[in-house]
Amino acid sequence: MRIRKGDTVIVISGAEKGRIGQVLRVFPDDRTVVVEKVRLIKRHTRAGQGGTQQGGIVEKEAPIHISKVAMIDPRTQKPTRVRIRRLPGGGTERIAARGGESLEKP
């Protein structure tokens, strides 16, 4: 997948359109990602046995489909598509389609 954990993305459609956050988890089989502070849901939890876990209402992020998010170009801070460039040594690197800059973390 072209979007990985730790990438900064923007939501491009849906109720959360325009929100920016970091990817916390990626689910390749479902083609979904969990983005920080986006699509918050409430879960009602029961207290654990022996007082190990407190009960109550917990707010957490729910997965969002990967087609609804776009990477943020590190240079222009605008949404961009991700391209894969083959390196001479046989490896690959992700680059921003908008600016051509590498998206790999140093």
PDB file of N, CA and C in Angstrom:
ATOM      1  N   MET A   1       0.833  -1.177   0.000  1.00  0.00           N
ATOM      2  CA  MET A   1       0.000   0.000   0.000  1.00  0.00           C
ATOM      3  C   MET A   1       0.878   1.242   0.000  1.00  0.00           C
ATOM      4  N   ARG A   2       0.373   2.285  -0.583  1.00  0.00           N
ATOM      5  CA  ARG A   2       1.172   3.495  -0.739  1.00  0.00           C
ATOM      6  C   ARG A   2       1.126   4.403   0.477  1.00  0.00           C
ATOM      7  N   ILE A   3       0.151   4.205   1.339  1.00  0.00           N
ATOM      8  CA  ILE A   3       0.068   4.982   2.576  1.00  0.00           C
ATOM      9  C   ILE A   3       0.470   4.067   3.721  1.00  0.00           C
ATOM     10  N   ARG A   4       1.351   4.559   4.569  1.00  0.00           N
ATOM     11  CA  ARG A   4       1.895   3.742   5.653  1.00  0.00           C
ATOM     12  C   ARG A   4       1.692   4.422   7.004  1.00  0.00           C
ATOM     13  N   LYS A   5       1.941   3.663   8.059  1.00  0.00           N
ATOM     14  CA  LYS A   5       1.846   4.184   9.414  1.00  0.00           C
ATOM     15  C   LYS A   5       2.830   5.343   9.587  1.00  0.00           C
ATOM     16  N   GLY A   6       2.349   6.429  10.203  1.00  0.00           N
ATOM     17  CA  GLY A   6       3.193   7.591  10.451  1.00  0.00           C
ATOM     18  C   GLY A   6       3.086   8.675   9.391  1.00  0.00           C
ATOM     19  N   ASP A   7       2.445   8.384   8.249  1.00  0.00           N
ATOM     20  CA  ASP A   7       2.278   9.388   7.190  1.00  0.00           C
ATOM     21  C   ASP A   7       1.252  10.430   7.612  1.00  0.00           C
ATOM     22  N   THR A   8       1.425  11.650   7.135  1.00  0.00           N
ATOM     23  CA  THR A   8       0.449  12.710   7.364  1.00  0.00           C
ATOM     24  C   THR A   8      -0.493  12.745   6.171  1.00  0.00           C
ATOM     25  N   VAL A   9      -1.798  12.640   6.449  1.00  0.00           N
ATOM     26  CA  VAL A   9      -2.799  12.584   5.387  1.00  0.00           C
ATOM     27  C   VAL A   9      -3.902  13.600   5.643  1.00  0.00           C
ATOM     28  N   ILE A  10      -4.676  13.886   4.593  1.00  0.00           N
ATOM     29  CA  ILE A  10      -5.843  14.748   4.685  1.00  0.00           C
ATOM     30  C   ILE A  10      -7.038  13.955   4.178  1.00  0.00           C
ATOM     31  N   VAL A  11      -8.193  14.129   4.820  1.00  0.00           N
ATOM     32  CA  VAL A  11      -9.409  13.455   4.383  1.00  0.00           C
ATOM     33  C   VAL A  11      -9.993  14.271   3.238  1.00  0.00           C
ATOM     34  N   ILE A  12     -10.255  13.614   2.090  1.00  0.00           N
ATOM     35  CA  ILE A  12     -10.682  14.340   0.900  1.00  0.00           C
ATOM     36  C   ILE A  12     -12.171  14.199   0.604  1.00  0.00           C
ATOM     37  N   SER A  13     -12.893  13.335   1.330  1.00  0.00           N
ATOM     38  CA  SER A  13     -14.331  13.235   1.116  1.00  0.00           C
ATOM     39  C   SER A  13     -15.005  12.695   2.364  1.00  0.00           C
ATOM     40  N   GLY A  14     -16.304  12.917   2.446  1.00  0.00           N
ATOM     41  CA  GLY A  14     -17.077  12.430   3.576  1.00  0.00           C
ATOM     42  C   GLY A  14     -17.286  13.490   4.634  1.00  0.00           C
ATOM     43  N   ALA A  15     -17.844  13.075   5.762  1.00  0.00           N
ATOM     44  CA  ALA A  15     -18.191  13.997   6.840  1.00  0.00           C
ATOM     45  C   ALA A  15     -16.961  14.648   7.467  1.00  0.00           C
ATOM     46  N   GLU A  16     -15.819  13.999   7.404  1.00  0.00           N
ATOM     47  CA  GLU A  16     -14.584  14.502   8.018  1.00  0.00           C
ATOM     48  C   GLU A  16     -13.691  15.237   7.016  1.00  0.00           C
ATOM     49  N   LYS A  17     -14.242  15.645   5.875  1.00  0.00           N
ATOM     50  CA  LYS A  17     -13.463  16.271   4.805  1.00  0.00           C
ATOM     51  C   LYS A  17     -12.673  17.475   5.314  1.00  0.00           C
ATOM     52  N   GLY A  18     -11.369  17.515   4.947  1.00  0.00           N
ATOM     53  CA  GLY A  18     -10.508  18.626   5.326  1.00  0.00           C
ATOM     54  C   GLY A  18      -9.698  18.398   6.590  1.00  0.00           C
ATOM     55  N   ARG A  19     -10.002  17.347   7.340  1.00  0.00           N
ATOM     56  CA  ARG A  19      -9.255  17.067   8.577  1.00  0.00           C
ATOM     57  C   ARG A  19      -7.888  16.471   8.233  1.00  0.00           C
ATOM     58  N   ILE A  20      -6.875  16.880   8.978  1.00  0.00           N
ATOM     59  CA  ILE A  20      -5.506  16.402   8.763  1.00  0.00           C
ATOM     60  C   ILE A  20      -5.050  15.654   9.997  1.00  0.00           C
ATOM     61  N   GLY A  21      -4.336  14.544   9.796  1.00  0.00           N
ATOM     62  CA  GLY A  21      -3.812  13.778  10.916  1.00  0.00           C
ATOM     63  C   GLY A  21      -2.798  12.750  10.459  1.00  0.00           C
ATOM     64  N   GLN A  22      -2.175  12.105  11.437  1.00  0.00           N
ATOM     65  CA  GLN A  22      -1.207  11.059  11.143  1.00  0.00           C
ATOM     66  C   GLN A  22      -1.889   9.707  11.134  1.00  0.00           C
ATOM     67  N   VAL A  23      -1.393   8.814  10.287  1.00  0.00           N
ATOM     68  CA  VAL A  23      -1.923   7.458  10.208  1.00  0.00           C
ATOM     69  C   VAL A  23      -1.405   6.675  11.406  1.00  0.00           C
ATOM     70  N   LEU A  24      -2.336   6.117  12.188  1.00  0.00           N
ATOM     71  CA  LEU A  24      -1.966   5.336  13.367  1.00  0.00           C
ATOM     72  C   LEU A  24      -1.845   3.852  13.051  1.00  0.00           C
ATOM     73  N   ARG A  25      -2.756   3.342  12.229  1.00  0.00           N
ATOM     74  CA  ARG A  25      -2.745   1.918  11.856  1.00  0.00           C
ATOM     75  C   ARG A  25      -3.193   1.775  10.414  1.00  0.00           C
ATOM     76  N   VAL A  26      -2.728   0.723   9.744  1.00  0.00           N
ATOM     77  CA  VAL A  26      -3.116   0.425   8.376  1.00  0.00           C
ATOM     78  C   VAL A  26      -3.616  -1.017   8.331  1.00  0.00           C
ATOM     79  N   PHE A  27      -4.767  -1.228   7.686  1.00  0.00           N
ATOM     80  CA  PHE A  27      -5.334  -2.560   7.516  1.00  0.00           C
ATOM     81  C   PHE A  27      -5.377  -2.875   6.016  1.00  0.00           C
ATOM     82  N   PRO A  28      -4.307  -3.485   5.462  1.00  0.00           N
ATOM     83  CA  PRO A  28      -4.239  -3.718   4.017  1.00  0.00           C
ATOM     84  C   PRO A  28      -5.345  -4.634   3.497  1.00  0.00           C
ATOM     85  N   ASP A  29      -5.758  -5.612   4.275  1.00  0.00           N
ATOM     86  CA  ASP A  29      -6.793  -6.544   3.813  1.00  0.00           C
ATOM     87  C   ASP A  29      -8.130  -5.838   3.603  1.00  0.00           C
ATOM     88  N   ASP A  30      -8.458  -4.894   4.473  1.00  0.00           N
ATOM     89  CA  ASP A  30      -9.719  -4.157   4.383  1.00  0.00           C
ATOM     90  C   ASP A  30      -9.573  -2.864   3.586  1.00  0.00           C
ATOM     91  N   ARG A  31      -8.329  -2.483   3.223  1.00  0.00           N
ATOM     92  CA  ARG A  31      -8.030  -1.229   2.534  1.00  0.00           C
ATOM     93  C   ARG A  31      -8.509  -0.027   3.342  1.00  0.00           C
ATOM     94  N   THR A  32      -8.271  -0.068   4.667  1.00  0.00           N
ATOM     95  CA  THR A  32      -8.659   1.027   5.546  1.00  0.00           C
ATOM     96  C   THR A  32      -7.462   1.497   6.365  1.00  0.00           C
ATOM     97  N   VAL A  33      -7.568   2.712   6.890  1.00  0.00           N
ATOM     98  CA  VAL A  33      -6.543   3.280   7.760  1.00  0.00           C
ATOM     99  C   VAL A  33      -7.223   3.940   8.951  1.00  0.00           C
ATOM    100  N   VAL A  34      -6.510   4.021  10.057  1.00  0.00           N
ATOM    101  CA  VAL A  34      -6.981   4.748  11.234  1.00  0.00           C
ATOM    102  C   VAL A  34      -6.142   6.013  11.315  1.00  0.00           C
ATOM    103  N   VAL A  35      -6.830   7.169  11.280  1.00  0.00           N
ATOM    104  CA  VAL A  35      -6.155   8.460  11.284  1.00  0.00           C
ATOM    105  C   VAL A  35      -6.423   9.143  12.625  1.00  0.00           C
ATOM    106  N   GLU A  36      -5.382   9.735  13.187  1.00  0.00           N
ATOM    107  CA  GLU A  36      -5.443  10.405  14.485  1.00  0.00           C
ATOM    108  C   GLU A  36      -6.491  11.515  14.476  1.00  0.00           C
ATOM    109  N   LYS A  37      -7.400  11.490  15.452  1.00  0.00           N
ATOM    110  CA  LYS A  37      -8.441  12.509  15.661  1.00  0.00           C
ATOM    111  C   LYS A  37      -9.431  12.632  14.498  1.00  0.00           C
ATOM    112  N   VAL A  38      -9.591  11.572  13.696  1.00  0.00           N
ATOM    113  CA  VAL A  38     -10.547  11.557  12.594  1.00  0.00           C
ATOM    114  C   VAL A  38     -11.501  10.391  12.786  1.00  0.00           C
ATOM    115  N   ARG A  39     -12.789  10.620  12.567  1.00  0.00           N
ATOM    116  CA  ARG A  39     -13.859   9.637  12.697  1.00  0.00           C
ATOM    117  C   ARG A  39     -13.889   9.044  14.106  1.00  0.00           C
ATOM    118  N   LEU A  40     -14.061   9.904  15.078  1.00  0.00           N
ATOM    119  CA  LEU A  40     -14.116   9.474  16.471  1.00  0.00           C
ATOM    120  C   LEU A  40     -15.471   8.831  16.754  1.00  0.00           C
ATOM    121  N   ILE A  41     -15.432   7.676  17.412  1.00  0.00           N
ATOM    122  CA  ILE A  41     -16.640   6.969  17.817  1.00  0.00           C
ATOM    123  C   ILE A  41     -16.598   6.752  19.315  1.00  0.00           C
ATOM    124  N   LYS A  42     -17.753   6.439  19.892  1.00  0.00           N
ATOM    125  CA  LYS A  42     -17.817   6.182  21.333  1.00  0.00           C
ATOM    126  C   LYS A  42     -18.150   4.722  21.569  1.00  0.00           C
ATOM    127  N   ARG A  43     -17.397   4.102  22.467  1.00  0.00           N
ATOM    128  CA  ARG A  43     -17.605   2.710  22.842  1.00  0.00           C
ATOM    129  C   ARG A  43     -17.970   2.664  24.318  1.00  0.00           C
ATOM    130  N   HIS A  44     -19.032   1.943  24.618  1.00  0.00           N
ATOM    131  CA  HIS A  44     -19.425   1.761  26.012  1.00  0.00           C
ATOM    132  C   HIS A  44     -18.755   0.491  26.509  1.00  0.00           C
ATOM    133  N   THR A  45     -17.861   0.629  27.497  1.00  0.00           N
ATOM    134  CA  THR A  45     -17.096  -0.514  27.980  1.00  0.00           C
ATOM    135  C   THR A  45     -17.520  -0.889  29.386  1.00  0.00           C
ATOM    136  N   ARG A  46     -17.418  -2.167  29.654  1.00  0.00           N
ATOM    137  CA  ARG A  46     -17.737  -2.705  30.967  1.00  0.00           C
ATOM    138  C   ARG A  46     -16.461  -2.754  31.793  1.00  0.00           C
ATOM    139  N   ALA A  47     -16.575  -2.568  33.079  1.00  0.00           N
ATOM    140  CA  ALA A  47     -15.402  -2.619  33.965  1.00  0.00           C
ATOM    141  C   ALA A  47     -14.810  -4.019  33.968  1.00  0.00           C
ATOM    142  N   GLY A  48     -13.477  -4.097  34.034  1.00  0.00           N
ATOM    143  CA  GLY A  48     -12.795  -5.386  34.054  1.00  0.00           C
ATOM    144  C   GLY A  48     -12.875  -6.036  35.425  1.00  0.00           C
ATOM    145  N   GLN A  49     -12.643  -7.329  35.453  1.00  0.00           N
ATOM    146  CA  GLN A  49     -12.691  -8.068  36.714  1.00  0.00           C
ATOM    147  C   GLN A  49     -11.559  -7.638  37.630  1.00  0.00           C
ATOM    148  N   GLY A  50     -11.858  -7.503  38.887  1.00  0.00           N
ATOM    149  CA  GLY A  50     -10.849  -7.139  39.875  1.00  0.00           C
ATOM    150  C   GLY A  50     -10.444  -5.681  39.798  1.00  0.00           C
ATOM    151  N   GLY A  51     -11.215  -4.869  39.098  1.00  0.00           N
ATOM    152  CA  GLY A  51     -10.906  -3.448  39.000  1.00  0.00           C
ATOM    153  C   GLY A  51      -9.719  -3.127  38.120  1.00  0.00           C
ATOM    154  N   THR A  52      -9.369  -4.028  37.197  1.00  0.00           N
ATOM    155  CA  THR A  52      -8.206  -3.781  36.340  1.00  0.00           C
ATOM    156  C   THR A  52      -8.497  -2.746  35.267  1.00  0.00           C
ATOM    157  N   GLN A  53      -9.753  -2.681  34.807  1.00  0.00           N
ATOM    158  CA  GLN A  53     -10.117  -1.716  33.776  1.00  0.00           C
ATOM    159  C   GLN A  53     -11.364  -0.974  34.219  1.00  0.00           C
ATOM    160  N   GLN A  54     -11.337   0.337  34.079  1.00  0.00           N
ATOM    161  CA  GLN A  54     -12.470   1.145  34.475  1.00  0.00           C
ATOM    162  C   GLN A  54     -13.521   1.138  33.373  1.00  0.00           C
ATOM    163  N   GLY A  55     -14.785   1.035  33.753  1.00  0.00           N
ATOM    164  CA  GLY A  55     -15.873   1.063  32.793  1.00  0.00           C
ATOM    165  C   GLY A  55     -16.255   2.483  32.446  1.00  0.00           C
ATOM    166  N   GLY A  56     -17.030   2.638  31.388  1.00  0.00           N
ATOM    167  CA  GLY A  56     -17.491   3.963  30.993  1.00  0.00           C
ATOM    168  C   GLY A  56     -17.537   4.106  29.484  1.00  0.00           C
ATOM    169  N   ILE A  57     -17.584   5.335  29.032  1.00  0.00           N
ATOM    170  CA  ILE A  57     -17.649   5.627  27.604  1.00  0.00           C
ATOM    171  C   ILE A  57     -16.254   6.041  27.132  1.00  0.00           C
ATOM    172  N   VAL A  58     -15.727   5.309  26.172  1.00  0.00           N
ATOM    173  CA  VAL A  58     -14.392   5.548  25.643  1.00  0.00           C
ATOM    174  C   VAL A  58     -14.522   6.077  24.220  1.00  0.00           C
ATOM    175  N   GLU A  59     -13.815   7.159  23.914  1.00  0.00           N
ATOM    176  CA  GLU A  59     -13.822   7.720  22.574  1.00  0.00           C
ATOM    177  C   GLU A  59     -12.549   7.298  21.857  1.00  0.00           C
ATOM    178  N   LYS A  60     -12.698   6.720  20.651  1.00  0.00           N
ATOM    179  CA  LYS A  60     -11.533   6.276  19.900  1.00  0.00           C
ATOM    180  C   LYS A  60     -11.774   6.444  18.411  1.00  0.00           C
ATOM    181  N   GLU A  61     -10.684   6.317  17.631  1.00  0.00           N
ATOM    182  CA  GLU A  61     -10.766   6.483  16.190  1.00  0.00           C
ATOM    183  C   GLU A  61     -11.232   5.194  15.526  1.00  0.00           C
ATOM    184  N   ALA A  62     -12.063   5.328  14.496  1.00  0.00           N
ATOM    185  CA  ALA A  62     -12.529   4.191  13.714  1.00  0.00           C
ATOM    186  C   ALA A  62     -11.819   4.218  12.361  1.00  0.00           C
ATOM    187  N   PRO A  63     -11.724   3.058  11.696  1.00  0.00           N
ATOM    188  CA  PRO A  63     -11.070   3.025  10.377  1.00  0.00           C
ATOM    189  C   PRO A  63     -11.850   3.820   9.329  1.00  0.00           C
ATOM    190  N   ILE A  64     -11.118   4.356   8.366  1.00  0.00           N
ATOM    191  CA  ILE A  64     -11.691   5.078   7.228  1.00  0.00           C
ATOM    192  C   ILE A  64     -11.079   4.477   5.967  1.00  0.00           C
ATOM    193  N   HIS A  65     -11.859   4.402   4.888  1.00  0.00           N
ATOM    194  CA  HIS A  65     -11.358   3.776   3.662  1.00  0.00           C
ATOM    195  C   HIS A  65     -10.205   4.587   3.089  1.00  0.00           C
ATOM    196  N   ILE A  66      -9.233   3.872   2.540  1.00  0.00           N
ATOM    197  CA  ILE A  66      -8.006   4.511   2.063  1.00  0.00           C
ATOM    198  C   ILE A  66      -8.261   5.433   0.868  1.00  0.00           C
ATOM    199  N   SER A  67      -9.354   5.214   0.142  1.00  0.00           N
ATOM    200  CA  SER A  67      -9.657   6.074  -1.008  1.00  0.00           C
ATOM    201  C   SER A  67     -10.136   7.457  -0.571  1.00  0.00           C
ATOM    202  N   LYS A  68     -10.484   7.609   0.702  1.00  0.00           N
ATOM    203  CA  LYS A  68     -10.969   8.894   1.204  1.00  0.00           C
ATOM    204  C   LYS A  68      -9.863   9.755   1.793  1.00  0.00           C
ATOM    205  N   VAL A  69      -8.612   9.285   1.749  1.00  0.00           N
ATOM    206  CA  VAL A  69      -7.500  10.073   2.267  1.00  0.00           C
ATOM    207  C   VAL A  69      -6.440  10.267   1.185  1.00  0.00           C
ATOM    208  N   ALA A  70      -5.690  11.365   1.298  1.00  0.00           N
ATOM    209  CA  ALA A  70      -4.586  11.653   0.374  1.00  0.00           C
ATOM    210  C   ALA A  70      -3.386  12.106   1.189  1.00  0.00           C
ATOM    211  N   MET A  71      -2.206  11.750   0.712  1.00  0.00           N
ATOM    212  CA  MET A  71      -0.970  12.168   1.377  1.00  0.00           C
ATOM    213  C   MET A  71      -0.815  13.680   1.267  1.00  0.00           C
ATOM    214  N   ILE A  72      -0.102  14.259   2.232  1.00  0.00           N
ATOM    215  CA  ILE A  72       0.234  15.682   2.207  1.00  0.00           C
ATOM    216  C   ILE A  72       1.638  15.815   1.619  1.00  0.00           C
ATOM    217  N   ASP A  73       1.765  16.639   0.582  1.00  0.00           N
ATOM    218  CA  ASP A  73       3.066  16.899  -0.034  1.00  0.00           C
ATOM    219  C   ASP A  73       3.934  17.647   0.975  1.00  0.00           C
ATOM    220  N   PRO A  74       5.131  17.155   1.292  1.00  0.00           N
ATOM    221  CA  PRO A  74       5.961  17.810   2.315  1.00  0.00           C
ATOM    222  C   PRO A  74       6.404  19.220   1.930  1.00  0.00           C
ATOM    223  N   ARG A  75       6.459  19.526   0.643  1.00  0.00           N
ATOM    224  CA  ARG A  75       6.929  20.848   0.211  1.00  0.00           C
ATOM    225  C   ARG A  75       5.792  21.876   0.148  1.00  0.00           C
ATOM    226  N   THR A  76       4.660  21.498  -0.467  1.00  0.00           N
ATOM    227  CA  THR A  76       3.567  22.454  -0.675  1.00  0.00           C
ATOM    228  C   THR A  76       2.457  22.351   0.361  1.00  0.00           C
ATOM    229  N   GLN A  77       2.452  21.318   1.167  1.00  0.00           N
ATOM    230  CA  GLN A  77       1.415  21.080   2.177  1.00  0.00           C
ATOM    231  C   GLN A  77       0.027  20.940   1.551  1.00  0.00           C
ATOM    232  N   LYS A  78      -0.049  20.406   0.329  1.00  0.00           N
ATOM    233  CA  LYS A  78      -1.309  20.152  -0.356  1.00  0.00           C
ATOM    234  C   LYS A  78      -1.451  18.661  -0.613  1.00  0.00           C
ATOM    235  N   PRO A  79      -2.684  18.177  -0.854  1.00  0.00           N
ATOM    236  CA  PRO A  79      -2.878  16.749  -1.131  1.00  0.00           C
ATOM    237  C   PRO A  79      -2.159  16.330  -2.413  1.00  0.00           C
ATOM    238  N   THR A  80      -1.625  15.126  -2.399  1.00  0.00           N
ATOM    239  CA  THR A  80      -0.923  14.601  -3.564  1.00  0.00           C
ATOM    240  C   THR A  80      -1.122  13.099  -3.664  1.00  0.00           C
ATOM    241  N   ARG A  81      -0.973  12.591  -4.877  1.00  0.00           N
ATOM    242  CA  ARG A  81      -0.960  11.151  -5.070  1.00  0.00           C
ATOM    243  C   ARG A  81       0.460  10.653  -4.819  1.00  0.00           C
ATOM    244  N   VAL A  82       0.597   9.355  -4.641  1.00  0.00           N
ATOM    245  CA  VAL A  82       1.901   8.764  -4.348  1.00  0.00           C
ATOM    246  C   VAL A  82       2.313   7.885  -5.522  1.00  0.00           C
ATOM    247  N   ARG A  83       3.525   8.094  -5.987  1.00  0.00           N
ATOM    248  CA  ARG A  83       4.079   7.258  -7.050  1.00  0.00           C
ATOM    249  C   ARG A  83       5.231   6.449  -6.485  1.00  0.00           C
ATOM    250  N   ILE A  84       5.517   5.331  -7.137  1.00  0.00           N
ATOM    251  CA  ILE A  84       6.614   4.457  -6.733  1.00  0.00           C
ATOM    252  C   ILE A  84       7.728   4.586  -7.775  1.00  0.00           C
ATOM    253  N   ARG A  85       8.932   4.905  -7.306  1.00  0.00           N
ATOM    254  CA  ARG A  85      10.089   5.012  -8.193  1.00  0.00           C
ATOM    255  C   ARG A  85      11.016   3.831  -7.924  1.00  0.00           C
ATOM    256  N   ARG A  86      11.434   3.191  -8.986  1.00  0.00           N
ATOM    257  CA  ARG A  86      12.385   2.079  -8.854  1.00  0.00           C
ATOM    258  C   ARG A  86      13.799   2.651  -8.782  1.00  0.00           C
ATOM    259  N   LEU A  87      14.556   2.146  -7.828  1.00  0.00           N
ATOM    260  CA  LEU A  87      15.930   2.604  -7.648  1.00  0.00           C
ATOM    261  C   LEU A  87      16.885   1.704  -8.416  1.00  0.00           C
ATOM    262  N   PRO A  88      18.060   2.217  -8.806  1.00  0.00           N
ATOM    263  CA  PRO A  88      19.018   1.398  -9.564  1.00  0.00           C
ATOM    264  C   PRO A  88      19.462   0.144  -8.822  1.00  0.00           C
ATOM    265  N   GLY A  89      19.492   0.188  -7.500  1.00  0.00           N
ATOM    266  CA  GLY A  89      19.928  -0.966  -6.722  1.00  0.00           C
ATOM    267  C   GLY A  89      18.883  -2.067  -6.610  1.00  0.00           C
ATOM    268  N   GLY A  90      17.690  -1.829  -7.133  1.00  0.00           N
ATOM    269  CA  GLY A  90      16.645  -2.845  -7.087  1.00  0.00           C
ATOM    270  C   GLY A  90      15.536  -2.544  -6.106  1.00  0.00           C
ATOM    271  N   GLY A  91      15.696  -1.521  -5.271  1.00  0.00           N
ATOM    272  CA  GLY A  91      14.670  -1.161  -4.305  1.00  0.00           C
ATOM    273  C   GLY A  91      13.662  -0.175  -4.889  1.00  0.00           C
ATOM    274  N   THR A  92      12.767   0.289  -4.039  1.00  0.00           N
ATOM    275  CA  THR A  92      11.779   1.278  -4.458  1.00  0.00           C
ATOM    276  C   THR A  92      11.703   2.394  -3.427  1.00  0.00           C
ATOM    277  N   GLU A  93      11.168   3.539  -3.836  1.00  0.00           N
ATOM    278  CA  GLU A  93      10.908   4.627  -2.914  1.00  0.00           C
ATOM    279  C   GLU A  93       9.607   5.312  -3.319  1.00  0.00           C
ATOM    280  N   ARG A  94       8.918   5.865  -2.346  1.00  0.00           N
ATOM    281  CA  ARG A  94       7.676   6.576  -2.615  1.00  0.00           C
ATOM    282  C   ARG A  94       7.992   8.044  -2.860  1.00  0.00           C
ATOM    283  N   ILE A  95       7.371   8.617  -3.893  1.00  0.00           N
ATOM    284  CA  ILE A  95       7.573  10.025  -4.182  1.00  0.00           C
ATOM    285  C   ILE A  95       6.217  10.698  -4.339  1.00  0.00           C
ATOM    286  N   ALA A  96       6.163  12.005  -4.063  1.00  0.00           N
ATOM    287  CA  ALA A  96       4.936  12.782  -4.204  1.00  0.00           C
ATOM    288  C   ALA A  96       4.737  13.117  -5.678  1.00  0.00           C
ATOM    289  N   ALA A  97       3.555  12.839  -6.217  1.00  0.00           N
ATOM    290  CA  ALA A  97       3.272  13.113  -7.621  1.00  0.00           C
ATOM    291  C   ALA A  97       3.249  14.610  -7.886  1.00  0.00           C
ATOM    292  N   ARG A  98       2.833  15.411  -6.917  1.00  0.00           N
ATOM    293  CA  ARG A  98       2.719  16.859  -7.100  1.00  0.00           C
ATOM    294  C   ARG A  98       4.089  17.524  -7.205  1.00  0.00           C
ATOM    295  N   GLY A  99       5.008  17.215  -6.306  1.00  0.00           N
ATOM    296  CA  GLY A  99       6.282  17.924  -6.273  1.00  0.00           C
ATOM    297  C   GLY A  99       7.485  17.071  -6.650  1.00  0.00           C
ATOM    298  N   GLY A 100       7.329  15.762  -6.680  1.00  0.00           N
ATOM    299  CA  GLY A 100       8.437  14.891  -7.032  1.00  0.00           C
ATOM    300  C   GLY A 100       9.403  14.631  -5.894  1.00  0.00           C
ATOM    301  N   GLU A 101       9.061  15.061  -4.673  1.00  0.00           N
ATOM    302  CA  GLU A 101       9.947  14.853  -3.537  1.00  0.00           C
ATOM    303  C   GLU A 101       9.733  13.472  -2.925  1.00  0.00           C
ATOM    304  N   SER A 102      10.779  12.946  -2.309  1.00  0.00           N
ATOM    305  CA  SER A 102      10.693  11.644  -1.669  1.00  0.00           C
ATOM    306  C   SER A 102       9.828  11.733  -0.397  1.00  0.00           C
ATOM    307  N   LEU A 103       9.018  10.717  -0.184  1.00  0.00           N
ATOM    308  CA  LEU A 103       8.156  10.652   1.001  1.00  0.00           C
ATOM    309  C   LEU A 103       8.742   9.736   2.073  1.00  0.00           C
ATOM    310  N   GLU A 104       9.897   9.157   1.798  1.00  0.00           N
ATOM    311  CA  GLU A 104      10.526   8.259   2.753  1.00  0.00           C
ATOM    312  C   GLU A 104      11.117   9.047   3.906  1.00  0.00           C
ATOM    313  N   LYS A 105      10.979   8.490   5.095  1.00  0.00           N
ATOM    314  CA  LYS A 105      11.532   9.131   6.297  1.00  0.00           C
ATOM    315  C   LYS A 105      13.041   8.886   6.303  1.00  0.00           C
ATOM    316  N   PRO A 106      13.850   9.915   6.648  1.00  0.00           N
ATOM    317  CA  PRO A 106      15.307   9.721   6.667  1.00  0.00           C
ATOM    318  C   PRO A 106      15.757   8.829   7.798  1.00  0.00           C
TER     319      PRO A 106
END
